[in-house]
């Protein structure tokens, strides 16, 4: 749609999505499509596709562990790690804590620290090393009671978020905290425009390079690229991304500058995106849109956990469509018409 802002897209989409779910499902539908900034989603839920049916929010407790007596975490924090705490309602037993620790190791982590709360005291190696005051501070920050536990992920921010997010879901499932008879929607907004490649140390596009940066050209010229947000948004329901969209960039000077920050010169833009940049130079209106994933919507409404079961012609692991017998052989005449020459692998 032309001449629209993010709020206009939301206003157009929400009644349609809500109406489809009301028409074809008997489950309870939360009428509120809440807005969650990307950074907040990663912090509180460990994912940009949060399942809001799980009443658990992750908390940052790096400040509590920093300089504490728990030396393993303290040393990691000095190297740049963070500590994320996952509330564990009803998880206050050694057996559950040991299972969570083993599960974390199966996920590739060294383990998962924990504190068990009960009868006014905190138990476990972490609690002993921290001391009663700091253990109580964690309990208060997470809103825990007797019979609950706190689980900890200590790692670089992205790794800690990933592990904590998976632990949140695992606890929700194992403790039967999920309301399976409801749909809860949210918009994930304020995606970062750029991110730092951890291997090369270079700045690159985070999601969609053709989105309009918030603040436009002025932001690109004056701000730290890693602080710039984009007009991008995802619609999420019950932990499934249903739809993605953006307010698109329509200005050539913004496109050149954004690609320049990511290390691509004007010649790359002119060569790789000639049609787009040319159209922008002739004049394009501000515009934005969204692309719903129909298969994912059907999957949720049908209460089918495997999306392949609702796709009309699913492909197997070899990218073959067995129902359509595709891909199939192409004869030489068709290849010649398209100026395509097959290059077969050499025989050993």
C-alpha atoms as a PDB file:
ATOM      1  CA  UNK A   1       0.000   0.000   0.000  1.00  0.00           C
ATOM      2  CA  UNK A   2       1.225   3.480  -0.823  1.00  0.00           C
ATOM      3  CA  UNK A   3       1.412   6.412   1.560  1.00  0.00           C
ATOM      4  CA  UNK A   4       1.086   4.299   4.712  1.00  0.00           C
ATOM      5  CA  UNK A   5       2.852   4.018   8.035  1.00  0.00           C
ATOM      6  CA  UNK A   6       3.362   0.968  10.225  1.00  0.00           C
ATOM      7  CA  UNK A   7       0.161   1.633  12.174  1.00  0.00           C
ATOM      8  CA  UNK A   8      -1.855   1.611   8.931  1.00  0.00           C
ATOM      9  CA  UNK A   9      -0.586  -1.873   8.062  1.00  0.00           C
ATOM     10  CA  UNK A  10      -1.515  -3.127  11.529  1.00  0.00           C
ATOM     11  CA  UNK A  11      -4.992  -1.604  11.295  1.00  0.00           C
ATOM     12  CA  UNK A  12      -5.576  -3.338   7.952  1.00  0.00           C
ATOM     13  CA  UNK A  13      -4.216  -6.754   8.962  1.00  0.00           C
ATOM     14  CA  UNK A  14      -5.516  -7.306  12.493  1.00  0.00           C
ATOM     15  CA  UNK A  15      -9.252  -7.523  11.664  1.00  0.00           C
ATOM     16  CA  UNK A  16      -8.516 -10.003   8.866  1.00  0.00           C
ATOM     17  CA  UNK A  17      -6.333 -12.304  10.973  1.00  0.00           C
ATOM     18  CA  UNK A  18      -8.670 -12.088  13.950  1.00  0.00           C
ATOM     19  CA  UNK A  19     -11.668 -12.790  11.714  1.00  0.00           C
ATOM     20  CA  UNK A  20     -10.067 -15.843  10.123  1.00  0.00           C
ATOM     21  CA  UNK A  21      -9.252 -17.384  13.501  1.00  0.00           C
ATOM     22  CA  UNK A  22     -12.723 -16.581  14.866  1.00  0.00           C
ATOM     23  CA  UNK A  23     -14.389 -18.092  11.808  1.00  0.00           C
ATOM     24  CA  UNK A  24     -12.458 -21.352  11.662  1.00  0.00           C
ATOM     25  CA  UNK A  25     -11.443 -22.086  15.264  1.00  0.00           C
ATOM     26  CA  UNK A  26     -13.316 -22.678  18.515  1.00  0.00           C
ATOM     27  CA  UNK A  27     -10.372 -21.669  20.686  1.00  0.00           C
ATOM     28  CA  UNK A  28     -10.299 -18.524  22.792  1.00  0.00           C
ATOM     29  CA  UNK A  29      -8.753 -15.597  20.918  1.00  0.00           C
ATOM     30  CA  UNK A  30      -6.998 -12.817  22.790  1.00  0.00           C
ATOM     31  CA  UNK A  31      -8.313  -9.621  21.153  1.00  0.00           C
ATOM     32  CA  UNK A  32      -5.155  -7.630  21.947  1.00  0.00           C
ATOM     33  CA  UNK A  33      -2.322  -7.667  19.427  1.00  0.00           C
ATOM     34  CA  UNK A  34       0.348  -6.344  21.788  1.00  0.00           C
ATOM     35  CA  UNK A  35       3.499  -4.651  20.498  1.00  0.00           C
ATOM     36  CA  UNK A  36       6.858  -5.976  21.716  1.00  0.00           C
ATOM     37  CA  UNK A  37      10.144  -4.365  20.601  1.00  0.00           C
ATOM     38  CA  UNK A  38      12.656  -6.871  19.247  1.00  0.00           C
ATOM     39  CA  UNK A  39      15.216  -6.226  22.007  1.00  0.00           C
ATOM     40  CA  UNK A  40      12.555  -6.717  24.690  1.00  0.00           C
ATOM     41  CA  UNK A  41      11.400  -9.959  23.084  1.00  0.00           C
ATOM     42  CA  UNK A  42      14.925 -11.362  23.075  1.00  0.00           C
ATOM     43  CA  UNK A  43      15.424 -10.356  26.721  1.00  0.00           C
ATOM     44  CA  UNK A  44      12.092 -11.502  28.166  1.00  0.00           C
ATOM     45  CA  UNK A  45      11.389 -14.522  25.981  1.00  0.00           C
ATOM     46  CA  UNK A  46      14.740 -15.440  24.420  1.00  0.00           C
ATOM     47  CA  UNK A  47      13.142 -15.353  20.971  1.00  0.00           C
ATOM     48  CA  UNK A  48      11.592 -12.991  18.446  1.00  0.00           C
ATOM     49  CA  UNK A  49       8.771 -15.544  18.131  1.00  0.00           C
ATOM     50  CA  UNK A  50       7.517 -15.662  21.731  1.00  0.00           C
ATOM     51  CA  UNK A  51       4.745 -17.979  22.862  1.00  0.00           C
ATOM     52  CA  UNK A  52       2.765 -15.670  25.138  1.00  0.00           C
ATOM     53  CA  UNK A  53       0.677 -18.545  26.450  1.00  0.00           C
ATOM     54  CA  UNK A  54       3.600 -19.337  28.750  1.00  0.00           C
ATOM     55  CA  UNK A  55       3.371 -17.029  31.809  1.00  0.00           C
ATOM     56  CA  UNK A  56       7.145 -16.838  32.295  1.00  0.00           C
ATOM     57  CA  UNK A  57       9.448 -13.889  31.630  1.00  0.00           C
ATOM     58  CA  UNK A  58      13.235 -14.161  31.568  1.00  0.00           C
ATOM     59  CA  UNK A  59      15.169 -11.553  33.545  1.00  0.00           C
ATOM     60  CA  UNK A  60      18.675 -10.155  33.282  1.00  0.00           C
ATOM     61  CA  UNK A  61      20.564 -10.763  36.542  1.00  0.00           C
ATOM     62  CA  UNK A  62      24.086  -9.987  35.322  1.00  0.00           C
ATOM     63  CA  UNK A  63      24.381  -7.179  37.867  1.00  0.00           C
ATOM     64  CA  UNK A  64      23.660  -9.551  40.751  1.00  0.00           C
ATOM     65  CA  UNK A  65      26.329 -12.061  39.716  1.00  0.00           C
ATOM     66  CA  UNK A  66      28.918  -9.435  38.733  1.00  0.00           C
ATOM     67  CA  UNK A  67      31.632  -9.439  41.387  1.00  0.00           C
ATOM     68  CA  UNK A  68      29.831 -12.123  43.380  1.00  0.00           C
ATOM     69  CA  UNK A  69      31.217 -15.208  45.035  1.00  0.00           C
ATOM     70  CA  UNK A  70      30.061 -17.446  42.198  1.00  0.00           C
ATOM     71  CA  UNK A  71      33.393 -17.367  40.395  1.00  0.00           C
ATOM     72  CA  UNK A  72      32.382 -19.312  37.270  1.00  0.00           C
ATOM     73  CA  UNK A  73      29.832 -16.672  36.276  1.00  0.00           C
ATOM     74  CA  UNK A  74      31.979 -13.794  37.516  1.00  0.00           C
ATOM     75  CA  UNK A  75      34.884 -14.753  35.255  1.00  0.00           C
ATOM     76  CA  UNK A  76      32.573 -15.128  32.259  1.00  0.00           C
ATOM     77  CA  UNK A  77      30.993 -11.730  32.934  1.00  0.00           C
ATOM     78  CA  UNK A  78      34.474 -10.177  32.921  1.00  0.00           C
ATOM     79  CA  UNK A  79      34.874 -11.618  29.412  1.00  0.00           C
ATOM     80  CA  UNK A  80      31.611 -10.049  28.226  1.00  0.00           C
ATOM     81  CA  UNK A  81      29.041 -12.710  29.116  1.00  0.00           C
ATOM     82  CA  UNK A  82      25.598 -11.975  30.530  1.00  0.00           C
ATOM     83  CA  UNK A  83      23.408 -13.942  32.930  1.00  0.00           C
ATOM     84  CA  UNK A  84      19.758 -14.631  32.132  1.00  0.00           C
ATOM     85  CA  UNK A  85      17.464 -16.050  34.817  1.00  0.00           C
ATOM     86  CA  UNK A  86      14.477 -18.213  33.924  1.00  0.00           C
ATOM     87  CA  UNK A  87      11.731 -18.572  36.552  1.00  0.00           C
ATOM     88  CA  UNK A  88      10.755 -22.153  37.266  1.00  0.00           C
ATOM     89  CA  UNK A  89       7.288 -22.234  38.856  1.00  0.00           C
ATOM     90  CA  UNK A  90       6.849 -25.523  40.705  1.00  0.00           C
ATOM     91  CA  UNK A  91      10.385 -26.609  39.788  1.00  0.00           C
ATOM     92  CA  UNK A  92      11.781 -26.482  43.322  1.00  0.00           C
ATOM     93  CA  UNK A  93      13.162 -29.993  43.527  1.00  0.00           C
ATOM     94  CA  UNK A  94      16.629 -31.459  43.004  1.00  0.00           C
ATOM     95  CA  UNK A  95      15.267 -33.983  40.503  1.00  0.00           C
ATOM     96  CA  UNK A  96      13.839 -31.257  38.229  1.00  0.00           C
ATOM     97  CA  UNK A  97      16.970 -29.131  38.605  1.00  0.00           C
ATOM     98  CA  UNK A  98      19.184 -32.058  37.610  1.00  0.00           C
ATOM     99  CA  UNK A  99      16.979 -32.774  34.586  1.00  0.00           C
ATOM    100  CA  UNK A 100      17.225 -29.158  33.467  1.00  0.00           C
ATOM    101  CA  UNK A 101      21.003 -29.259  33.855  1.00  0.00           C
ATOM    102  CA  UNK A 102      21.269 -32.455  31.786  1.00  0.00           C
ATOM    103  CA  UNK A 103      18.926 -31.021  29.173  1.00  0.00           C
ATOM    104  CA  UNK A 104      21.086 -27.874  28.872  1.00  0.00           C
ATOM    105  CA  UNK A 105      24.161 -30.020  28.323  1.00  0.00           C
ATOM    106  CA  UNK A 106      22.283 -31.817  25.572  1.00  0.00           C
ATOM    107  CA  UNK A 107      21.719 -28.400  23.977  1.00  0.00           C
ATOM    108  CA  UNK A 108      25.479 -27.844  23.834  1.00  0.00           C
ATOM    109  CA  UNK A 109      25.779 -25.678  26.964  1.00  0.00           C
ATOM    110  CA  UNK A 110      28.114 -26.517  29.878  1.00  0.00           C
ATOM    111  CA  UNK A 111      25.014 -26.843  32.036  1.00  0.00           C
ATOM    112  CA  UNK A 112      22.418 -24.683  33.742  1.00  0.00           C
ATOM    113  CA  UNK A 113      22.875 -23.284  37.219  1.00  0.00           C
ATOM    114  CA  UNK A 114      19.893 -23.169  39.545  1.00  0.00           C
ATOM    115  CA  UNK A 115      18.596 -22.003  42.907  1.00  0.00           C
ATOM    116  CA  UNK A 116      15.799 -23.855  44.675  1.00  0.00           C
ATOM    117  CA  UNK A 117      13.538 -21.822  46.950  1.00  0.00           C
ATOM    118  CA  UNK A 118      11.607 -23.347  49.827  1.00  0.00           C
ATOM    119  CA  UNK A 119      10.632 -22.676  53.419  1.00  0.00           C
ATOM    120  CA  UNK A 120      12.151 -19.223  53.357  1.00  0.00           C
ATOM    121  CA  UNK A 121      15.598 -20.333  52.212  1.00  0.00           C
ATOM    122  CA  UNK A 122      17.576 -20.731  49.001  1.00  0.00           C
ATOM    123  CA  UNK A 123      19.333 -24.001  48.273  1.00  0.00           C
ATOM    124  CA  UNK A 124      21.948 -25.239  45.838  1.00  0.00           C
ATOM    125  CA  UNK A 125      25.592 -24.491  44.991  1.00  0.00           C
ATOM    126  CA  UNK A 126      24.750 -21.185  43.294  1.00  0.00           C
ATOM    127  CA  UNK A 127      22.806 -19.942  46.322  1.00  0.00           C
ATOM    128  CA  UNK A 128      25.609 -20.949  48.655  1.00  0.00           C
ATOM    129  CA  UNK A 129      28.212 -19.070  46.610  1.00  0.00           C
ATOM    130  CA  UNK A 130      26.040 -15.974  46.148  1.00  0.00           C
ATOM    131  CA  UNK A 131      24.916 -15.621  49.722  1.00  0.00           C
ATOM    132  CA  UNK A 132      21.447 -15.215  51.181  1.00  0.00           C
ATOM    133  CA  UNK A 133      21.038 -11.533  50.285  1.00  0.00           C
ATOM    134  CA  UNK A 134      21.751 -11.894  46.578  1.00  0.00           C
ATOM    135  CA  UNK A 135      19.753 -15.115  46.358  1.00  0.00           C
ATOM    136  CA  UNK A 136      16.798 -13.279  47.874  1.00  0.00           C
ATOM    137  CA  UNK A 137      17.269 -10.423  45.391  1.00  0.00           C
ATOM    138  CA  UNK A 138      16.926 -12.903  42.528  1.00  0.00           C
ATOM    139  CA  UNK A 139      13.821 -14.378  44.148  1.00  0.00           C
ATOM    140  CA  UNK A 140      12.251 -10.945  44.423  1.00  0.00           C
ATOM    141  CA  UNK A 141      13.167  -9.919  40.884  1.00  0.00           C
ATOM    142  CA  UNK A 142      11.646 -13.092  39.432  1.00  0.00           C
ATOM    143  CA  UNK A 143       8.617 -13.108  41.740  1.00  0.00           C
ATOM    144  CA  UNK A 144       9.290 -16.629  42.998  1.00  0.00           C
ATOM    145  CA  UNK A 145       7.736 -18.380  45.978  1.00  0.00           C
ATOM    146  CA  UNK A 146       8.381 -21.500  48.005  1.00  0.00           C
ATOM    147  CA  UNK A 147       8.550 -24.567  45.756  1.00  0.00           C
ATOM    148  CA  UNK A 148       9.856 -22.559  42.798  1.00  0.00           C
ATOM    149  CA  UNK A 149      13.323 -22.411  41.251  1.00  0.00           C
ATOM    150  CA  UNK A 150      15.451 -20.108  39.159  1.00  0.00           C
ATOM    151  CA  UNK A 151      17.607 -21.395  36.302  1.00  0.00           C
ATOM    152  CA  UNK A 152      20.572 -19.498  34.881  1.00  0.00           C
ATOM    153  CA  UNK A 153      22.229 -19.204  31.470  1.00  0.00           C
ATOM    154  CA  UNK A 154      25.623 -17.492  31.453  1.00  0.00           C
ATOM    155  CA  UNK A 155      27.109 -16.895  28.014  1.00  0.00           C
ATOM    156  CA  UNK A 156      27.473 -14.209  25.350  1.00  0.00           C
ATOM    157  CA  UNK A 157      24.166 -12.391  24.945  1.00  0.00           C
ATOM    158  CA  UNK A 158      22.879 -14.266  21.897  1.00  0.00           C
ATOM    159  CA  UNK A 159      23.789 -17.699  23.315  1.00  0.00           C
ATOM    160  CA  UNK A 160      22.312 -16.895  26.724  1.00  0.00           C
ATOM    161  CA  UNK A 161      19.085 -15.678  25.132  1.00  0.00           C
ATOM    162  CA  UNK A 162      18.812 -18.803  22.991  1.00  0.00           C
ATOM    163  CA  UNK A 163      19.316 -21.206  25.902  1.00  0.00           C
ATOM    164  CA  UNK A 164      17.057 -19.245  28.259  1.00  0.00           C
ATOM    165  CA  UNK A 165      14.347 -19.067  25.604  1.00  0.00           C
ATOM    166  CA  UNK A 166      14.404 -22.817  25.068  1.00  0.00           C
ATOM    167  CA  UNK A 167      14.405 -23.403  28.835  1.00  0.00           C
ATOM    168  CA  UNK A 168      11.354 -21.132  29.179  1.00  0.00           C
ATOM    169  CA  UNK A 169       9.437 -23.233  26.665  1.00  0.00           C
ATOM    170  CA  UNK A 170      10.587 -26.506  28.223  1.00  0.00           C
ATOM    171  CA  UNK A 171       9.454 -25.400  31.679  1.00  0.00           C
ATOM    172  CA  UNK A 172       6.129 -24.226  30.257  1.00  0.00           C
ATOM    173  CA  UNK A 173       5.510 -27.614  28.657  1.00  0.00           C
ATOM    174  CA  UNK A 174       6.746 -29.810  31.522  1.00  0.00           C
ATOM    175  CA  UNK A 175       4.934 -27.815  34.219  1.00  0.00           C
ATOM    176  CA  UNK A 176       1.729 -27.719  32.173  1.00  0.00           C
ATOM    177  CA  UNK A 177       1.657 -23.907  32.158  1.00  0.00           C
ATOM    178  CA  UNK A 178       0.444 -23.504  28.565  1.00  0.00           C
ATOM    179  CA  UNK A 179      -3.188 -22.781  27.793  1.00  0.00           C
ATOM    180  CA  UNK A 180      -3.583 -24.917  24.679  1.00  0.00           C
ATOM    181  CA  UNK A 181      -7.124 -23.647  24.141  1.00  0.00           C
ATOM    182  CA  UNK A 182      -6.110 -20.092  23.266  1.00  0.00           C
ATOM    183  CA  UNK A 183      -4.445 -17.965  20.608  1.00  0.00           C
ATOM    184  CA  UNK A 184      -2.280 -15.044  21.725  1.00  0.00           C
ATOM    185  CA  UNK A 185      -0.996 -12.598  19.127  1.00  0.00           C
ATOM    186  CA  UNK A 186       1.757 -10.010  19.214  1.00  0.00           C
ATOM    187  CA  UNK A 187       3.606  -7.710  16.860  1.00  0.00           C
ATOM    188  CA  UNK A 188       7.398  -7.818  17.110  1.00  0.00           C
ATOM    189  CA  UNK A 189       8.578  -4.331  16.144  1.00  0.00           C
ATOM    190  CA  UNK A 190      11.729  -2.192  16.082  1.00  0.00           C
ATOM    191  CA  UNK A 191      14.025  -4.770  14.509  1.00  0.00           C
ATOM    192  CA  UNK A 192      17.681  -3.715  14.311  1.00  0.00           C
ATOM    193  CA  UNK A 193      18.687  -2.420  10.897  1.00  0.00           C
ATOM    194  CA  UNK A 194      22.275  -3.691  11.219  1.00  0.00           C
ATOM    195  CA  UNK A 195      24.192  -6.233  13.267  1.00  0.00           C
ATOM    196  CA  UNK A 196      27.823  -7.122  13.860  1.00  0.00           C
ATOM    197  CA  UNK A 197      29.158 -10.311  12.303  1.00  0.00           C
ATOM    198  CA  UNK A 198      30.793 -12.111  15.225  1.00  0.00           C
ATOM    199  CA  UNK A 199      33.302 -13.838  12.943  1.00  0.00           C
ATOM    200  CA  UNK A 200      34.437 -10.978  10.675  1.00  0.00           C
ATOM    201  CA  UNK A 201      33.641  -8.058  12.980  1.00  0.00           C
ATOM    202  CA  UNK A 202      31.967  -6.266  10.077  1.00  0.00           C
ATOM    203  CA  UNK A 203      28.603  -4.524  10.088  1.00  0.00           C
ATOM    204  CA  UNK A 204      25.960  -6.253   7.985  1.00  0.00           C
ATOM    205  CA  UNK A 205      22.221  -6.066   7.452  1.00  0.00           C
ATOM    206  CA  UNK A 206      20.274  -7.698  10.247  1.00  0.00           C
ATOM    207  CA  UNK A 207      17.067  -8.648   8.429  1.00  0.00           C
ATOM    208  CA  UNK A 208      15.697  -6.853   5.384  1.00  0.00           C
ATOM    209  CA  UNK A 209      18.104  -4.462   3.636  1.00  0.00           C
ATOM    210  CA  UNK A 210      15.262  -2.762   1.775  1.00  0.00           C
ATOM    211  CA  UNK A 211      13.373  -1.579   4.861  1.00  0.00           C
ATOM    212  CA  UNK A 212      13.246   2.090   5.769  1.00  0.00           C
ATOM    213  CA  UNK A 213      15.523   2.862   8.726  1.00  0.00           C
ATOM    214  CA  UNK A 214      13.811   4.693  11.547  1.00  0.00           C
ATOM    215  CA  UNK A 215      15.094   8.261  11.329  1.00  0.00           C
ATOM    216  CA  UNK A 216      15.803   7.948   7.608  1.00  0.00           C
ATOM    217  CA  UNK A 217      18.976   9.354   6.077  1.00  0.00           C
ATOM    218  CA  UNK A 218      19.721  11.509   9.118  1.00  0.00           C
ATOM    219  CA  UNK A 219      19.972   8.417  11.324  1.00  0.00           C
ATOM    220  CA  UNK A 220      22.277   6.694   8.836  1.00  0.00           C
ATOM    221  CA  UNK A 221      24.551   9.756   8.725  1.00  0.00           C
ATOM    222  CA  UNK A 222      24.712  10.587  12.424  1.00  0.00           C
ATOM    223  CA  UNK A 223      24.062   7.505  14.550  1.00  0.00           C
ATOM    224  CA  UNK A 224      25.934   4.349  15.463  1.00  0.00           C
ATOM    225  CA  UNK A 225      24.590   1.850  12.898  1.00  0.00           C
ATOM    226  CA  UNK A 226      24.129  -0.812  15.573  1.00  0.00           C
ATOM    227  CA  UNK A 227      21.606   1.431  17.376  1.00  0.00           C
ATOM    228  CA  UNK A 228      19.437   2.120  14.309  1.00  0.00           C
ATOM    229  CA  UNK A 229      16.068   0.376  14.176  1.00  0.00           C
ATOM    230  CA  UNK A 230      14.130  -0.454  11.017  1.00  0.00           C
ATOM    231  CA  UNK A 231      10.454  -0.168  10.190  1.00  0.00           C
ATOM    232  CA  UNK A 232      10.107  -3.948  10.155  1.00  0.00           C
ATOM    233  CA  UNK A 233       7.509  -6.065  11.914  1.00  0.00           C
ATOM    234  CA  UNK A 234       6.466  -9.688  12.410  1.00  0.00           C
ATOM    235  CA  UNK A 235       3.073 -10.989  13.492  1.00  0.00           C
ATOM    236  CA  UNK A 236       3.520 -13.907  15.920  1.00  0.00           C
ATOM    237  CA  UNK A 237       0.921 -16.281  17.367  1.00  0.00           C
ATOM    238  CA  UNK A 238       1.643 -18.971  19.967  1.00  0.00           C
ATOM    239  CA  UNK A 239       5.339 -19.000  19.124  1.00  0.00           C
ATOM    240  CA  UNK A 240       4.804 -19.185  15.346  1.00  0.00           C
ATOM    241  CA  UNK A 241       5.699 -16.356  12.972  1.00  0.00           C
ATOM    242  CA  UNK A 242       2.555 -15.858  10.889  1.00  0.00           C
ATOM    243  CA  UNK A 243       3.437 -12.833   8.837  1.00  0.00           C
ATOM    244  CA  UNK A 244       6.333 -10.482   8.073  1.00  0.00           C
ATOM    245  CA  UNK A 245       6.392  -7.035   6.579  1.00  0.00           C
ATOM    246  CA  UNK A 246       8.010  -3.636   6.490  1.00  0.00           C
ATOM    247  CA  UNK A 247       7.722  -0.045   5.516  1.00  0.00           C
ATOM    248  CA  UNK A 248      10.067  -0.112   2.559  1.00  0.00           C
ATOM    249  CA  UNK A 249      12.736   2.367   1.653  1.00  0.00           C
ATOM    250  CA  UNK A 250      11.778   4.393  -1.436  1.00  0.00           C
ATOM    251  CA  UNK A 251      14.641   6.917  -1.555  1.00  0.00           C
ATOM    252  CA  UNK A 252      17.802   6.244  -3.606  1.00  0.00           C
ATOM    253  CA  UNK A 253      20.057   8.257  -1.285  1.00  0.00           C
ATOM    254  CA  UNK A 254      18.898   6.165   1.684  1.00  0.00           C
ATOM    255  CA  UNK A 255      19.488   2.938  -0.221  1.00  0.00           C
ATOM    256  CA  UNK A 256      23.012   3.955  -1.255  1.00  0.00           C
ATOM    257  CA  UNK A 257      23.903   5.017   2.299  1.00  0.00           C
ATOM    258  CA  UNK A 258      22.440   1.904   3.963  1.00  0.00           C
ATOM    259  CA  UNK A 259      24.304  -0.427   1.601  1.00  0.00           C
ATOM    260  CA  UNK A 260      27.458   1.643   2.069  1.00  0.00           C
ATOM    261  CA  UNK A 261      27.348   1.074   5.827  1.00  0.00           C
ATOM    262  CA  UNK A 262      27.103  -2.673   5.154  1.00  0.00           C
ATOM    263  CA  UNK A 263      30.191  -2.473   2.924  1.00  0.00           C
ATOM    264  CA  UNK A 264      28.574  -2.334  -0.522  1.00  0.00           C
ATOM    265  CA  UNK A 265      29.512   0.539  -2.812  1.00  0.00           C
ATOM    266  CA  UNK A 266      27.149   2.377  -5.204  1.00  0.00           C
ATOM    267  CA  UNK A 267      28.345   0.216  -8.090  1.00  0.00           C
ATOM    268  CA  UNK A 268      27.049  -2.892  -6.319  1.00  0.00           C
ATOM    269  CA  UNK A 269      23.611  -1.327  -5.850  1.00  0.00           C
ATOM    270  CA  UNK A 270      23.512  -0.170  -9.478  1.00  0.00           C
ATOM    271  CA  UNK A 271      24.523  -3.618 -10.710  1.00  0.00           C
ATOM    272  CA  UNK A 272      22.597  -5.938  -8.407  1.00  0.00           C
ATOM    273  CA  UNK A 273      19.425  -3.887  -7.923  1.00  0.00           C
ATOM    274  CA  UNK A 274      19.308  -1.865 -11.116  1.00  0.00           C
ATOM    275  CA  UNK A 275      15.545  -2.009 -11.572  1.00  0.00           C
ATOM    276  CA  UNK A 276      14.778  -0.947  -8.027  1.00  0.00           C
ATOM    277  CA  UNK A 277      17.252   1.912  -7.748  1.00  0.00           C
ATOM    278  CA  UNK A 278      16.224   3.176 -11.169  1.00  0.00           C
ATOM    279  CA  UNK A 279      12.562   3.239 -10.139  1.00  0.00           C
ATOM    280  CA  UNK A 280      13.464   5.117  -6.967  1.00  0.00           C
ATOM    281  CA  UNK A 281      15.302   7.739  -9.013  1.00  0.00           C
ATOM    282  CA  UNK A 282      12.213   8.351 -11.157  1.00  0.00           C
ATOM    283  CA  UNK A 283      10.168   8.701  -7.982  1.00  0.00           C
ATOM    284  CA  UNK A 284       8.385   6.126  -5.842  1.00  0.00           C
ATOM    285  CA  UNK A 285       5.792   6.785  -3.143  1.00  0.00           C
ATOM    286  CA  UNK A 286       6.293   5.802   0.494  1.00  0.00           C
ATOM    287  CA  UNK A 287       4.961   2.270   0.719  1.00  0.00           C
ATOM    288  CA  UNK A 288       4.690  -0.732   3.006  1.00  0.00           C
ATOM    289  CA  UNK A 289       3.042  -4.099   3.256  1.00  0.00           C
ATOM    290  CA  UNK A 290       2.989  -7.540   4.766  1.00  0.00           C
ATOM    291  CA  UNK A 291       3.012 -11.168   3.601  1.00  0.00           C
ATOM    292  CA  UNK A 292       0.890 -13.630   5.604  1.00  0.00           C
ATOM    293  CA  UNK A 293       2.014 -17.247   5.753  1.00  0.00           C
ATOM    294  CA  UNK A 294      -1.194 -19.036   4.848  1.00  0.00           C
ATOM    295  CA  UNK A 295       0.242 -22.500   5.536  1.00  0.00           C
ATOM    296  CA  UNK A 296       1.234 -21.476   9.064  1.00  0.00           C
ATOM    297  CA  UNK A 297      -2.199 -19.989   9.753  1.00  0.00           C
ATOM    298  CA  UNK A 298      -3.851 -23.218   8.608  1.00  0.00           C
ATOM    299  CA  UNK A 299      -1.412 -25.242  10.712  1.00  0.00           C
ATOM    300  CA  UNK A 300      -2.404 -23.370  13.877  1.00  0.00           C
ATOM    301  CA  UNK A 301      -6.134 -23.440  13.186  1.00  0.00           C
ATOM    302  CA  UNK A 302      -5.999 -27.167  12.367  1.00  0.00           C
ATOM    303  CA  UNK A 303      -3.978 -27.755  15.559  1.00  0.00           C
ATOM    304  CA  UNK A 304      -1.398 -29.590  13.453  1.00  0.00           C
ATOM    305  CA  UNK A 305       2.189 -29.420  14.807  1.00  0.00           C
ATOM    306  CA  UNK A 306       3.792 -30.414  11.479  1.00  0.00           C
ATOM    307  CA  UNK A 307       3.391 -27.845   8.718  1.00  0.00           C
ATOM    308  CA  UNK A 308       4.075 -30.505   6.078  1.00  0.00           C
ATOM    309  CA  UNK A 309       0.671 -31.990   6.908  1.00  0.00           C
ATOM    310  CA  UNK A 310      -1.135 -28.863   5.684  1.00  0.00           C
ATOM    311  CA  UNK A 311       0.973 -28.143   2.592  1.00  0.00           C
ATOM    312  CA  UNK A 312      -0.675 -29.423  -0.563  1.00  0.00           C
ATOM    313  CA  UNK A 313       2.528 -30.562  -2.256  1.00  0.00           C
ATOM    314  CA  UNK A 314       5.242 -30.939   0.429  1.00  0.00           C
ATOM    315  CA  UNK A 315       8.817 -31.710  -0.544  1.00  0.00           C
ATOM    316  CA  UNK A 316      10.929 -34.423   1.016  1.00  0.00           C
ATOM    317  CA  UNK A 317      14.411 -34.052   2.448  1.00  0.00           C
ATOM    318  CA  UNK A 318      15.906 -34.072  -1.057  1.00  0.00           C
ATOM    319  CA  UNK A 319      13.670 -31.162  -2.177  1.00  0.00           C
ATOM    320  CA  UNK A 320      11.630 -33.579  -4.307  1.00  0.00           C
ATOM    321  CA  UNK A 321       7.872 -33.294  -4.765  1.00  0.00           C
ATOM    322  CA  UNK A 322       6.870 -36.947  -5.058  1.00  0.00           C
ATOM    323  CA  UNK A 323       3.235 -36.184  -5.893  1.00  0.00           C
ATOM    324  CA  UNK A 324       4.212 -34.019  -8.858  1.00  0.00           C
ATOM    325  CA  UNK A 325       7.268 -36.099  -9.762  1.00  0.00           C
ATOM    326  CA  UNK A 326       9.418 -32.966  -9.582  1.00  0.00           C
ATOM    327  CA  UNK A 327      12.086 -32.164 -10.380  1.00  0.00           C
ATOM    328  CA  UNK A 328      12.045 -34.193 -13.575  1.00  0.00           C
ATOM    329  CA  UNK A 329      14.303 -34.526 -16.598  1.00  0.00           C
ATOM    330  CA  UNK A 330      14.326 -31.683 -19.139  1.00  0.00           C
ATOM    331  CA  UNK A 331      14.913 -32.558 -22.783  1.00  0.00           C
ATOM    332  CA  UNK A 332      17.701 -31.017 -24.851  1.00  0.00           C
ATOM    333  CA  UNK A 333      15.318 -28.968 -27.018  1.00  0.00           C
ATOM    334  CA  UNK A 334      13.867 -27.144 -23.985  1.00  0.00           C
ATOM    335  CA  UNK A 335      17.322 -26.508 -22.583  1.00  0.00           C
ATOM    336  CA  UNK A 336      18.530 -25.149 -25.926  1.00  0.00           C
ATOM    337  CA  UNK A 337      15.560 -22.748 -26.119  1.00  0.00           C
ATOM    338  CA  UNK A 338      16.556 -21.343 -22.723  1.00  0.00           C
ATOM    339  CA  UNK A 339      20.255 -21.252 -23.534  1.00  0.00           C
ATOM    340  CA  UNK A 340      21.017 -23.636 -20.662  1.00  0.00           C
ATOM    341  CA  UNK A 341      23.861 -26.137 -20.943  1.00  0.00           C
ATOM    342  CA  UNK A 342      23.953 -28.994 -18.416  1.00  0.00           C
ATOM    343  CA  UNK A 343      27.291 -29.584 -16.755  1.00  0.00           C
ATOM    344  CA  UNK A 344      27.226 -33.165 -15.514  1.00  0.00           C
ATOM    345  CA  UNK A 345      29.657 -34.272 -12.782  1.00  0.00           C
ATOM    346  CA  UNK A 346      32.664 -36.234 -13.906  1.00  0.00           C
ATOM    347  CA  UNK A 347      32.571 -39.955 -13.382  1.00  0.00           C
ATOM    348  CA  UNK A 348      35.044 -41.148 -10.730  1.00  0.00           C
END
